[in-house]
Amino acid sequence: MPQGTTLLHRWFEEVWNQKRVSAIHEMISEDTIIHGLTGPGGPPVKGASEFEQFHATFVNAFPDTHIDVFDVVTEGDKMACRFTVTGRQAGDLPDIAATNKKVLFDGSGICTVADGRFTEVWNIIDFPKMQYDLAADTPDIE
């Protein structure tokens, strides 16, 4: 990885921006626990295979997904960052039919890393802002 590039940078660039599914299995194992992706009170996503299903659903809905990463902080076996997600909904989500509207929302996360892989991830993602952007009565994002 280039100087200053962390596992978090690689994750967002390869998995999300390049849509390289094989990178999921390189950076998380079947034992990795990922919190914060299934809604309030929802169960964590467990493992690379289950995450791959979440990823496929999201990328099918937002094929032009792009994530910018900011403020990566590392200390010991922990990494944290904040990020911004953009994309246009061209496909259906489980509860939201395709709108062709653009979204722009933020998130942050902290993770534990061992042997070059994420072992546990805690996400705080502004999915309510995504839902607001997709609502029929809200203005389109330019």
Protein backbone atom coordinates (compact mmCIF):
# COMPACT_ATOMS: atom_id res chain seq x y z
CA MET A 1 0.00 0.00 0.00
CA PRO A 2 1.27 3.54 -0.70
CA GLN A 3 2.65 5.56 2.20
CA GLY A 4 -0.21 6.83 4.39
CA THR A 5 -2.65 4.26 3.02
CA THR A 6 -4.29 2.17 5.71
CA LEU A 7 -6.41 -0.97 5.63
CA LEU A 8 -9.43 1.36 5.93
CA HIS A 9 -8.35 3.32 2.85
CA ARG A 10 -7.87 0.06 0.96
CA TRP A 11 -11.29 -1.25 2.11
CA PHE A 12 -13.22 1.75 0.89
CA GLU A 13 -11.26 2.11 -2.34
CA GLU A 14 -11.23 -1.54 -3.43
CA VAL A 15 -14.49 -2.88 -1.97
CA TRP A 16 -16.72 0.16 -2.48
CA ASN A 17 -15.23 2.44 -5.13
CA GLN A 18 -13.79 -0.29 -7.38
CA LYS A 19 -16.52 -2.85 -6.46
CA ARG A 20 -13.85 -5.59 -6.18
CA VAL A 21 -15.78 -8.33 -4.38
CA SER A 22 -12.72 -10.56 -3.92
CA ALA A 23 -11.21 -7.82 -1.73
CA ILE A 24 -13.95 -8.46 0.84
CA HIS A 25 -12.55 -11.93 1.46
CA GLU A 26 -9.00 -10.58 1.61
CA MET A 27 -9.79 -8.05 4.35
CA ILE A 28 -12.39 -9.82 6.50
CA SER A 29 -12.83 -13.45 7.52
CA GLU A 30 -15.92 -15.55 8.16
CA ASP A 31 -15.48 -14.69 11.86
CA THR A 32 -15.51 -10.90 11.42
CA ILE A 33 -18.44 -9.16 13.13
CA ILE A 34 -19.77 -5.93 11.55
CA HIS A 35 -22.21 -3.82 13.56
CA GLY A 36 -24.47 -1.03 12.32
CA LEU A 37 -25.51 -2.19 8.85
CA THR A 38 -28.91 -3.76 9.53
CA GLY A 39 -30.83 -0.89 11.10
CA PRO A 40 -31.61 0.04 14.70
CA GLY A 41 -31.47 -3.03 16.90
CA GLY A 42 -30.67 -5.25 13.93
CA PRO A 43 -28.22 -8.13 14.27
CA PRO A 44 -24.61 -7.67 13.22
CA VAL A 45 -23.42 -8.96 9.87
CA LYS A 46 -21.13 -11.93 10.45
CA GLY A 47 -18.37 -12.86 8.10
CA ALA A 48 -17.24 -12.16 4.57
CA SER A 49 -20.02 -14.16 2.91
CA GLU A 50 -22.81 -12.38 4.77
CA PHE A 51 -21.15 -9.01 4.16
CA GLU A 52 -20.86 -9.86 0.46
CA GLN A 53 -24.67 -10.19 0.36
CA PHE A 54 -25.09 -6.76 2.00
CA HIS A 55 -22.55 -5.28 -0.43
CA ALA A 56 -24.29 -6.81 -3.48
CA THR A 57 -27.68 -5.41 -2.40
CA PHE A 58 -26.25 -1.93 -1.86
CA VAL A 59 -24.16 -1.86 -5.04
CA ASN A 60 -27.09 -3.16 -7.11
CA ALA A 61 -29.18 -0.29 -5.75
CA PHE A 62 -26.37 2.27 -6.10
CA PRO A 63 -24.06 1.06 -8.90
CA ASP A 64 -22.14 4.35 -8.90
CA THR A 65 -21.50 4.26 -5.13
CA HIS A 66 -18.46 6.30 -4.17
CA ILE A 67 -17.02 6.70 -0.69
CA ASP A 68 -14.55 9.38 0.37
CA VAL A 69 -12.57 8.66 3.55
CA PHE A 70 -11.49 11.32 6.03
CA ASP A 71 -9.65 11.51 9.34
CA VAL A 72 -8.29 7.98 9.65
CA VAL A 73 -6.86 7.47 13.13
CA THR A 74 -4.92 4.41 14.23
CA GLU A 75 -3.89 3.37 17.71
CA GLY A 76 -2.66 -0.10 18.55
CA ASP A 77 -5.00 -2.65 16.98
CA LYS A 78 -7.79 -0.09 16.43
CA MET A 79 -8.56 2.14 13.44
CA ALA A 80 -11.28 4.76 13.07
CA CYS A 81 -12.46 7.10 10.33
CA ARG A 82 -15.31 9.15 9.03
CA PHE A 83 -16.59 8.89 5.47
CA THR A 84 -19.07 10.31 2.97
CA VAL A 85 -21.16 8.13 0.65
CA THR A 86 -22.62 9.32 -2.66
CA GLY A 87 -24.55 7.49 -5.34
CA ARG A 88 -27.70 7.44 -7.45
CA GLN A 89 -30.34 4.80 -6.68
CA ALA A 90 -30.77 2.90 -9.94
CA GLY A 91 -31.97 -0.35 -8.36
CA ASP A 92 -34.29 -1.47 -5.59
CA LEU A 93 -33.45 -1.67 -1.91
CA PRO A 94 -35.44 -4.10 0.26
CA ASP A 95 -37.91 -1.36 1.35
CA ILE A 96 -37.33 1.34 -1.28
CA ALA A 97 -38.01 0.90 -4.99
CA ALA A 98 -35.54 2.54 -7.37
CA THR A 99 -35.96 6.33 -7.35
CA ASN A 100 -33.10 7.46 -9.60
CA LYS A 101 -32.37 10.05 -6.91
CA LYS A 102 -28.89 10.89 -5.66
CA VAL A 103 -27.87 10.38 -2.03
CA LEU A 104 -25.15 12.00 0.04
CA PHE A 105 -24.74 10.83 3.62
CA ASP A 106 -22.02 10.41 6.21
CA GLY A 107 -20.77 7.67 8.45
CA SER A 108 -18.01 6.79 10.84
CA GLY A 109 -16.59 3.61 12.19
CA ILE A 110 -14.09 2.06 14.51
CA CYS A 111 -12.60 -1.35 13.96
CA THR A 112 -10.23 -3.86 15.42
CA VAL A 113 -7.54 -5.30 13.16
CA ALA A 114 -5.41 -8.44 13.47
CA ASP A 115 -3.08 -10.01 10.91
CA GLY A 116 -4.03 -7.47 8.22
CA ARG A 117 -7.79 -8.13 8.48
CA PHE A 118 -10.71 -6.53 10.24
CA THR A 119 -11.91 -8.63 13.17
CA GLU A 120 -14.75 -6.44 14.44
CA VAL A 121 -16.28 -3.24 13.07
CA TRP A 122 -18.68 -0.75 14.67
CA ASN A 123 -20.39 1.56 12.16
CA ILE A 124 -22.51 4.64 12.73
CA ILE A 125 -24.05 5.43 9.34
CA ASP A 126 -26.61 8.12 8.66
CA PHE A 127 -29.07 5.82 6.87
CA PRO A 128 -31.96 8.17 7.85
CA LYS A 129 -30.29 10.86 5.68
CA MET A 130 -30.08 8.34 2.82
CA GLN A 131 -33.80 7.60 3.23
CA TYR A 132 -34.56 11.34 3.33
CA ASP A 133 -32.64 11.88 0.09
CA LEU A 134 -34.65 9.08 -1.57
CA ALA A 135 -38.07 10.31 -0.44
CA ALA A 136 -40.40 11.46 -3.21
CA ASP A 137 -41.08 14.82 -1.55
CA THR A 138 -37.47 15.89 -0.92
CA PRO A 139 -35.40 18.00 -3.29
CA ASP A 140 -32.87 16.27 -5.50
CA ILE A 141 -29.21 16.60 -4.57
CA GLU A 142 -27.22 18.37 -7.25
